[in-house]
Protein backbone atom coordinates (compact mmCIF):
# COMPACT_ATOMS: atom_id res chain seq x y z
CA UNK A 1 0.00 0.00 0.00
CA UNK A 2 3.04 2.27 -0.12
CA UNK A 3 3.68 5.22 -2.40
CA UNK A 4 6.60 5.73 -4.79
CA UNK A 5 8.08 9.04 -5.86
CA UNK A 6 10.53 9.63 -8.72
CA UNK A 7 12.11 13.07 -9.26
CA UNK A 8 14.52 13.82 -12.09
CA UNK A 9 16.62 16.72 -13.29
CA UNK A 10 16.64 18.28 -16.75
CA UNK A 11 17.08 16.34 -19.99
CA UNK A 12 16.35 12.91 -18.55
CA UNK A 13 14.98 9.84 -20.34
CA UNK A 14 13.17 7.81 -17.67
CA UNK A 15 11.86 4.28 -18.29
CA UNK A 16 9.71 2.45 -15.74
CA UNK A 17 8.70 -1.10 -16.64
CA UNK A 18 6.99 -4.08 -15.06
CA UNK A 19 6.28 -2.27 -11.80
CA UNK A 20 3.42 -2.21 -9.31
CA UNK A 21 2.76 0.42 -6.63
CA UNK A 22 0.01 -0.11 -4.07
CA UNK A 23 -0.49 3.65 -3.56
CA UNK A 24 0.45 6.79 -5.49
CA UNK A 25 3.12 6.66 -8.18
CA UNK A 26 4.32 10.28 -8.37
CA UNK A 27 6.74 11.15 -11.21
CA UNK A 28 8.20 14.61 -11.75
CA UNK A 29 10.55 15.43 -14.62
CA UNK A 30 12.61 18.59 -15.03
CA UNK A 31 12.86 20.55 -18.27
CA UNK A 32 14.49 19.46 -21.52
CA UNK A 33 17.92 20.68 -20.46
CA UNK A 34 20.73 21.53 -22.86
CA UNK A 35 19.33 19.23 -25.60
CA UNK A 36 15.76 20.54 -25.14
CA UNK A 37 14.40 16.97 -24.87
CA UNK A 38 12.98 14.83 -22.06
CA UNK A 39 11.14 11.54 -22.18
CA UNK A 40 9.13 9.21 -19.98
CA UNK A 41 8.12 5.66 -20.79
CA UNK A 42 5.84 3.58 -18.56
CA UNK A 43 5.26 0.01 -19.70
CA UNK A 44 3.37 -2.68 -17.81
CA UNK A 45 2.88 -0.44 -14.76
CA UNK A 46 0.07 -0.66 -12.18
CA UNK A 47 -0.62 1.82 -9.37
CA UNK A 48 -3.56 2.94 -7.25
CA UNK A 49 -3.04 6.56 -8.38
CA UNK A 50 -0.70 8.07 -10.97
CA UNK A 51 0.64 11.63 -11.11
CA UNK A 52 3.05 12.78 -13.83
CA UNK A 53 4.47 16.29 -13.78
CA UNK A 54 6.51 17.84 -16.59
CA UNK A 55 8.25 21.22 -16.58
CA UNK A 56 9.07 21.91 -20.21
CA UNK A 57 10.63 25.20 -21.26
CA UNK A 58 10.15 27.10 -24.52
CA UNK A 59 11.60 24.98 -27.33
CA UNK A 60 11.61 21.75 -25.28
CA UNK A 61 10.06 18.53 -26.51
CA UNK A 62 8.56 16.25 -23.87
CA UNK A 63 7.88 12.72 -25.12
CA UNK A 64 5.60 10.56 -22.93
CA UNK A 65 4.72 6.96 -23.80
CA UNK A 66 2.31 4.96 -21.64
CA UNK A 67 1.71 1.33 -22.63
CA UNK A 68 -0.24 -1.25 -20.63
CA UNK A 69 -0.75 1.08 -17.67
CA UNK A 70 -3.45 0.40 -15.07
CA UNK A 71 -4.65 2.86 -12.40
CA UNK A 72 -6.92 1.15 -9.87
CA UNK A 73 -8.20 3.76 -7.35
CA UNK A 74 -12.01 3.96 -7.60
CA UNK A 75 -12.40 6.76 -5.04
CA UNK A 76 -9.59 9.32 -5.43
CA UNK A 77 -9.78 12.83 -3.98
CA UNK A 78 -9.87 14.25 -7.54
CA UNK A 79 -8.54 12.30 -10.54
CA UNK A 80 -6.91 8.87 -10.24
CA UNK A 81 -4.54 9.76 -13.11
CA UNK A 82 -3.11 13.25 -13.64
CA UNK A 83 -0.59 14.32 -16.25
CA UNK A 84 0.36 18.00 -16.38
CA UNK A 85 3.05 20.12 -18.00
CA UNK A 86 3.47 23.07 -15.65
CA UNK A 87 6.50 24.61 -17.37
CA UNK A 88 6.56 28.40 -17.33
CA UNK A 89 6.66 29.17 -21.05
CA UNK A 90 5.94 25.65 -22.22
CA UNK A 91 7.35 23.43 -24.89
CA UNK A 92 5.73 20.80 -27.07
CA UNK A 93 4.31 17.64 -25.50
CA UNK A 94 3.94 14.40 -27.43
CA UNK A 95 1.87 11.96 -25.35
CA UNK A 96 0.99 8.46 -26.51
CA UNK A 97 -1.36 6.28 -24.45
CA UNK A 98 -1.96 2.71 -25.51
CA UNK A 99 -3.90 0.12 -23.50
CA UNK A 100 -4.36 2.40 -20.48
CA UNK A 101 -7.12 1.50 -18.00
CA UNK A 102 -8.12 3.96 -15.28
CA UNK A 103 -10.79 2.96 -12.74
CA UNK A 104 -11.83 6.61 -12.23
CA UNK A 105 -10.91 9.89 -13.96
CA UNK A 106 -8.05 11.12 -16.14
CA UNK A 107 -6.84 14.73 -16.21
CA UNK A 108 -4.36 15.83 -18.90
CA UNK A 109 -3.00 19.38 -19.14
CA UNK A 110 -0.43 19.81 -21.91
CA UNK A 111 1.88 22.72 -22.64
CA UNK A 112 0.36 25.91 -23.96
CA UNK A 113 3.57 26.78 -25.79
CA UNK A 114 3.58 24.42 -28.76
CA UNK A 115 1.51 22.15 -30.93
CA UNK A 116 1.11 19.38 -28.38
CA UNK A 117 -0.32 16.01 -29.37
CA UNK A 118 -2.26 13.45 -27.32
CA UNK A 119 -2.64 10.11 -29.09
CA UNK A 120 -4.90 7.53 -27.41
CA UNK A 121 -5.66 3.93 -28.36
CA UNK A 122 -7.65 1.56 -26.13
CA UNK A 123 -7.81 4.02 -23.23
CA UNK A 124 -10.68 3.52 -20.79
CA UNK A 125 -11.78 5.66 -17.85
CA UNK A 126 -15.02 6.83 -16.22
CA UNK A 127 -14.48 10.49 -17.18
CA UNK A 128 -11.75 12.86 -18.29
CA UNK A 129 -10.63 16.47 -18.49
CA UNK A 130 -8.32 17.20 -21.44
CA UNK A 131 -6.59 20.56 -21.95
CA UNK A 132 -4.26 20.19 -24.92
CA UNK A 133 -3.32 23.87 -25.22
CA UNK A 134 -4.45 26.33 -27.89
CA UNK A 135 -2.94 24.40 -30.82
CA UNK A 136 -3.11 20.91 -29.34
CA UNK A 137 -4.30 17.90 -31.31
CA UNK A 138 -6.14 14.78 -30.11
CA UNK A 139 -5.50 11.66 -32.19
CA UNK A 140 -8.11 8.96 -31.58
CA UNK A 141 -6.64 5.54 -32.34
CA UNK A 142 -9.93 3.82 -31.50
CA UNK A 143 -11.14 1.66 -28.66
CA UNK A 144 -11.34 4.58 -26.21
CA UNK A 145 -14.04 5.07 -23.59
CA UNK A 146 -14.53 8.04 -21.26
CA UNK A 147 -12.18 10.44 -23.08
C-alpha atoms as a PDB file:
ATOM      1  CA  UNK A   1       0.000   0.000   0.000  1.00  0.00           C
ATOM      2  CA  UNK A   2       3.038   2.268  -0.117  1.00  0.00           C
ATOM      3  CA  UNK A   3       3.684   5.221  -2.396  1.00  0.00           C
ATOM      4  CA  UNK A   4       6.599   5.728  -4.786  1.00  0.00           C
ATOM      5  CA  UNK A   5       8.081   9.043  -5.862  1.00  0.00           C
ATOM      6  CA  UNK A   6      10.534   9.629  -8.723  1.00  0.00           C
ATOM      7  CA  UNK A   7      12.111  13.068  -9.260  1.00  0.00           C
ATOM      8  CA  UNK A   8      14.520  13.818 -12.093  1.00  0.00           C
ATOM      9  CA  UNK A   9      16.621  16.718 -13.289  1.00  0.00           C
ATOM     10  CA  UNK A  10      16.643  18.278 -16.751  1.00  0.00           C
ATOM     11  CA  UNK A  11      17.082  16.343 -19.993  1.00  0.00           C
ATOM     12  CA  UNK A  12      16.352  12.907 -18.546  1.00  0.00           C
ATOM     13  CA  UNK A  13      14.981   9.844 -20.338  1.00  0.00           C
ATOM     14  CA  UNK A  14      13.171   7.811 -17.671  1.00  0.00           C
ATOM     15  CA  UNK A  15      11.865   4.282 -18.286  1.00  0.00           C
ATOM     16  CA  UNK A  16       9.713   2.452 -15.737  1.00  0.00           C
ATOM     17  CA  UNK A  17       8.705  -1.099 -16.645  1.00  0.00           C
ATOM     18  CA  UNK A  18       6.992  -4.078 -15.055  1.00  0.00           C
ATOM     19  CA  UNK A  19       6.278  -2.269 -11.796  1.00  0.00           C
ATOM     20  CA  UNK A  20       3.425  -2.214  -9.314  1.00  0.00           C
ATOM     21  CA  UNK A  21       2.761   0.420  -6.631  1.00  0.00           C
ATOM     22  CA  UNK A  22       0.007  -0.109  -4.067  1.00  0.00           C
ATOM     23  CA  UNK A  23      -0.490   3.650  -3.559  1.00  0.00           C
ATOM     24  CA  UNK A  24       0.455   6.787  -5.486  1.00  0.00           C
ATOM     25  CA  UNK A  25       3.121   6.659  -8.181  1.00  0.00           C
ATOM     26  CA  UNK A  26       4.318  10.281  -8.372  1.00  0.00           C
ATOM     27  CA  UNK A  27       6.737  11.147 -11.209  1.00  0.00           C
ATOM     28  CA  UNK A  28       8.196  14.608 -11.753  1.00  0.00           C
ATOM     29  CA  UNK A  29      10.549  15.428 -14.620  1.00  0.00           C
ATOM     30  CA  UNK A  30      12.611  18.588 -15.032  1.00  0.00           C
ATOM     31  CA  UNK A  31      12.860  20.545 -18.272  1.00  0.00           C
ATOM     32  CA  UNK A  32      14.487  19.464 -21.515  1.00  0.00           C
ATOM     33  CA  UNK A  33      17.916  20.680 -20.459  1.00  0.00           C
ATOM     34  CA  UNK A  34      20.726  21.531 -22.864  1.00  0.00           C
ATOM     35  CA  UNK A  35      19.326  19.230 -25.597  1.00  0.00           C
ATOM     36  CA  UNK A  36      15.758  20.540 -25.137  1.00  0.00           C
ATOM     37  CA  UNK A  37      14.399  16.971 -24.867  1.00  0.00           C
ATOM     38  CA  UNK A  38      12.984  14.827 -22.063  1.00  0.00           C
ATOM     39  CA  UNK A  39      11.137  11.545 -22.184  1.00  0.00           C
ATOM     40  CA  UNK A  40       9.133   9.210 -19.980  1.00  0.00           C
ATOM     41  CA  UNK A  41       8.121   5.658 -20.793  1.00  0.00           C
ATOM     42  CA  UNK A  42       5.835   3.581 -18.560  1.00  0.00           C
ATOM     43  CA  UNK A  43       5.265   0.014 -19.696  1.00  0.00           C
ATOM     44  CA  UNK A  44       3.368  -2.682 -17.811  1.00  0.00           C
ATOM     45  CA  UNK A  45       2.882  -0.442 -14.759  1.00  0.00           C
ATOM     46  CA  UNK A  46       0.070  -0.656 -12.178  1.00  0.00           C
ATOM     47  CA  UNK A  47      -0.622   1.824  -9.370  1.00  0.00           C
ATOM     48  CA  UNK A  48      -3.560   2.935  -7.255  1.00  0.00           C
ATOM     49  CA  UNK A  49      -3.043   6.558  -8.380  1.00  0.00           C
ATOM     50  CA  UNK A  50      -0.700   8.074 -10.966  1.00  0.00           C
ATOM     51  CA  UNK A  51       0.636  11.634 -11.108  1.00  0.00           C
ATOM     52  CA  UNK A  52       3.055  12.781 -13.832  1.00  0.00           C
ATOM     53  CA  UNK A  53       4.473  16.295 -13.779  1.00  0.00           C
ATOM     54  CA  UNK A  54       6.511  17.842 -16.592  1.00  0.00           C
ATOM     55  CA  UNK A  55       8.248  21.224 -16.582  1.00  0.00           C
ATOM     56  CA  UNK A  56       9.074  21.907 -20.214  1.00  0.00           C
ATOM     57  CA  UNK A  57      10.625  25.204 -21.263  1.00  0.00           C
ATOM     58  CA  UNK A  58      10.148  27.099 -24.523  1.00  0.00           C
ATOM     59  CA  UNK A  59      11.605  24.975 -27.332  1.00  0.00           C
ATOM     60  CA  UNK A  60      11.609  21.753 -25.283  1.00  0.00           C
ATOM     61  CA  UNK A  61      10.057  18.531 -26.512  1.00  0.00           C
ATOM     62  CA  UNK A  62       8.555  16.254 -23.871  1.00  0.00           C
ATOM     63  CA  UNK A  63       7.876  12.720 -25.123  1.00  0.00           C
ATOM     64  CA  UNK A  64       5.601  10.562 -22.927  1.00  0.00           C
ATOM     65  CA  UNK A  65       4.717   6.962 -23.804  1.00  0.00           C
ATOM     66  CA  UNK A  66       2.314   4.959 -21.642  1.00  0.00           C
ATOM     67  CA  UNK A  67       1.711   1.334 -22.634  1.00  0.00           C
ATOM     68  CA  UNK A  68      -0.241  -1.249 -20.632  1.00  0.00           C
ATOM     69  CA  UNK A  69      -0.752   1.079 -17.671  1.00  0.00           C
ATOM     70  CA  UNK A  70      -3.454   0.403 -15.073  1.00  0.00           C
ATOM     71  CA  UNK A  71      -4.655   2.856 -12.399  1.00  0.00           C
ATOM     72  CA  UNK A  72      -6.920   1.154  -9.870  1.00  0.00           C
ATOM     73  CA  UNK A  73      -8.205   3.756  -7.353  1.00  0.00           C
ATOM     74  CA  UNK A  74     -12.012   3.955  -7.600  1.00  0.00           C
ATOM     75  CA  UNK A  75     -12.405   6.758  -5.044  1.00  0.00           C
ATOM     76  CA  UNK A  76      -9.588   9.318  -5.433  1.00  0.00           C
ATOM     77  CA  UNK A  77      -9.777  12.834  -3.977  1.00  0.00           C
ATOM     78  CA  UNK A  78      -9.867  14.246  -7.537  1.00  0.00           C
ATOM     79  CA  UNK A  79      -8.540  12.298 -10.541  1.00  0.00           C
ATOM     80  CA  UNK A  80      -6.909   8.872 -10.243  1.00  0.00           C
ATOM     81  CA  UNK A  81      -4.540   9.756 -13.106  1.00  0.00           C
ATOM     82  CA  UNK A  82      -3.112  13.251 -13.635  1.00  0.00           C
ATOM     83  CA  UNK A  83      -0.587  14.318 -16.251  1.00  0.00           C
ATOM     84  CA  UNK A  84       0.356  17.999 -16.376  1.00  0.00           C
ATOM     85  CA  UNK A  85       3.047  20.123 -18.001  1.00  0.00           C
ATOM     86  CA  UNK A  86       3.467  23.067 -15.655  1.00  0.00           C
ATOM     87  CA  UNK A  87       6.503  24.610 -17.365  1.00  0.00           C
ATOM     88  CA  UNK A  88       6.563  28.402 -17.334  1.00  0.00           C
ATOM     89  CA  UNK A  89       6.661  29.171 -21.049  1.00  0.00           C
ATOM     90  CA  UNK A  90       5.940  25.650 -22.216  1.00  0.00           C
ATOM     91  CA  UNK A  91       7.352  23.427 -24.887  1.00  0.00           C
ATOM     92  CA  UNK A  92       5.734  20.796 -27.069  1.00  0.00           C
ATOM     93  CA  UNK A  93       4.313  17.640 -25.498  1.00  0.00           C
ATOM     94  CA  UNK A  94       3.939  14.400 -27.432  1.00  0.00           C
ATOM     95  CA  UNK A  95       1.873  11.964 -25.346  1.00  0.00           C
ATOM     96  CA  UNK A  96       0.992   8.463 -26.511  1.00  0.00           C
ATOM     97  CA  UNK A  97      -1.355   6.283 -24.450  1.00  0.00           C
ATOM     98  CA  UNK A  98      -1.960   2.706 -25.512  1.00  0.00           C
ATOM     99  CA  UNK A  99      -3.897   0.122 -23.501  1.00  0.00           C
ATOM    100  CA  UNK A 100      -4.364   2.403 -20.479  1.00  0.00           C
ATOM    101  CA  UNK A 101      -7.123   1.501 -17.998  1.00  0.00           C
ATOM    102  CA  UNK A 102      -8.119   3.958 -15.276  1.00  0.00           C
ATOM    103  CA  UNK A 103     -10.791   2.965 -12.736  1.00  0.00           C
ATOM    104  CA  UNK A 104     -11.832   6.609 -12.234  1.00  0.00           C
ATOM    105  CA  UNK A 105     -10.914   9.889 -13.958  1.00  0.00           C
ATOM    106  CA  UNK A 106      -8.054  11.125 -16.145  1.00  0.00           C
ATOM    107  CA  UNK A 107      -6.845  14.731 -16.214  1.00  0.00           C
ATOM    108  CA  UNK A 108      -4.364  15.828 -18.896  1.00  0.00           C
ATOM    109  CA  UNK A 109      -3.003  19.381 -19.141  1.00  0.00           C
ATOM    110  CA  UNK A 110      -0.430  19.810 -21.908  1.00  0.00           C
ATOM    111  CA  UNK A 111       1.881  22.717 -22.637  1.00  0.00           C
ATOM    112  CA  UNK A 112       0.363  25.912 -23.960  1.00  0.00           C
ATOM    113  CA  UNK A 113       3.575  26.784 -25.791  1.00  0.00           C
ATOM    114  CA  UNK A 114       3.585  24.423 -28.756  1.00  0.00           C
ATOM    115  CA  UNK A 115       1.508  22.147 -30.933  1.00  0.00           C
ATOM    116  CA  UNK A 116       1.112  19.380 -28.378  1.00  0.00           C
ATOM    117  CA  UNK A 117      -0.317  16.006 -29.366  1.00  0.00           C
ATOM    118  CA  UNK A 118      -2.260  13.452 -27.320  1.00  0.00           C
ATOM    119  CA  UNK A 119      -2.639  10.115 -29.088  1.00  0.00           C
ATOM    120  CA  UNK A 120      -4.902   7.532 -27.414  1.00  0.00           C
ATOM    121  CA  UNK A 121      -5.664   3.929 -28.362  1.00  0.00           C
ATOM    122  CA  UNK A 122      -7.651   1.562 -26.132  1.00  0.00           C
ATOM    123  CA  UNK A 123      -7.809   4.021 -23.226  1.00  0.00           C
ATOM    124  CA  UNK A 124     -10.678   3.517 -20.787  1.00  0.00           C
ATOM    125  CA  UNK A 125     -11.783   5.662 -17.846  1.00  0.00           C
ATOM    126  CA  UNK A 126     -15.018   6.829 -16.219  1.00  0.00           C
ATOM    127  CA  UNK A 127     -14.479  10.489 -17.179  1.00  0.00           C
ATOM    128  CA  UNK A 128     -11.753  12.857 -18.285  1.00  0.00           C
ATOM    129  CA  UNK A 129     -10.625  16.466 -18.487  1.00  0.00           C
ATOM    130  CA  UNK A 130      -8.319  17.197 -21.436  1.00  0.00           C
ATOM    131  CA  UNK A 131      -6.588  20.559 -21.952  1.00  0.00           C
ATOM    132  CA  UNK A 132      -4.260  20.193 -24.920  1.00  0.00           C
ATOM    133  CA  UNK A 133      -3.317  23.865 -25.218  1.00  0.00           C
ATOM    134  CA  UNK A 134      -4.451  26.332 -27.885  1.00  0.00           C
ATOM    135  CA  UNK A 135      -2.941  24.402 -30.821  1.00  0.00           C
ATOM    136  CA  UNK A 136      -3.108  20.908 -29.336  1.00  0.00           C
ATOM    137  CA  UNK A 137      -4.302  17.898 -31.313  1.00  0.00           C
ATOM    138  CA  UNK A 138      -6.139  14.776 -30.114  1.00  0.00           C
ATOM    139  CA  UNK A 139      -5.505  11.658 -32.195  1.00  0.00           C
ATOM    140  CA  UNK A 140      -8.107   8.955 -31.583  1.00  0.00           C
ATOM    141  CA  UNK A 141      -6.639   5.544 -32.340  1.00  0.00           C
ATOM    142  CA  UNK A 142      -9.931   3.823 -31.499  1.00  0.00           C
ATOM    143  CA  UNK A 143     -11.136   1.659 -28.658  1.00  0.00           C
ATOM    144  CA  UNK A 144     -11.338   4.577 -26.212  1.00  0.00           C
ATOM    145  CA  UNK A 145     -14.041   5.066 -23.595  1.00  0.00           C
ATOM    146  CA  UNK A 146     -14.533   8.044 -21.264  1.00  0.00           C
ATOM    147  CA  UNK A 147     -12.180  10.435 -23.085  1.00  0.00           C
END
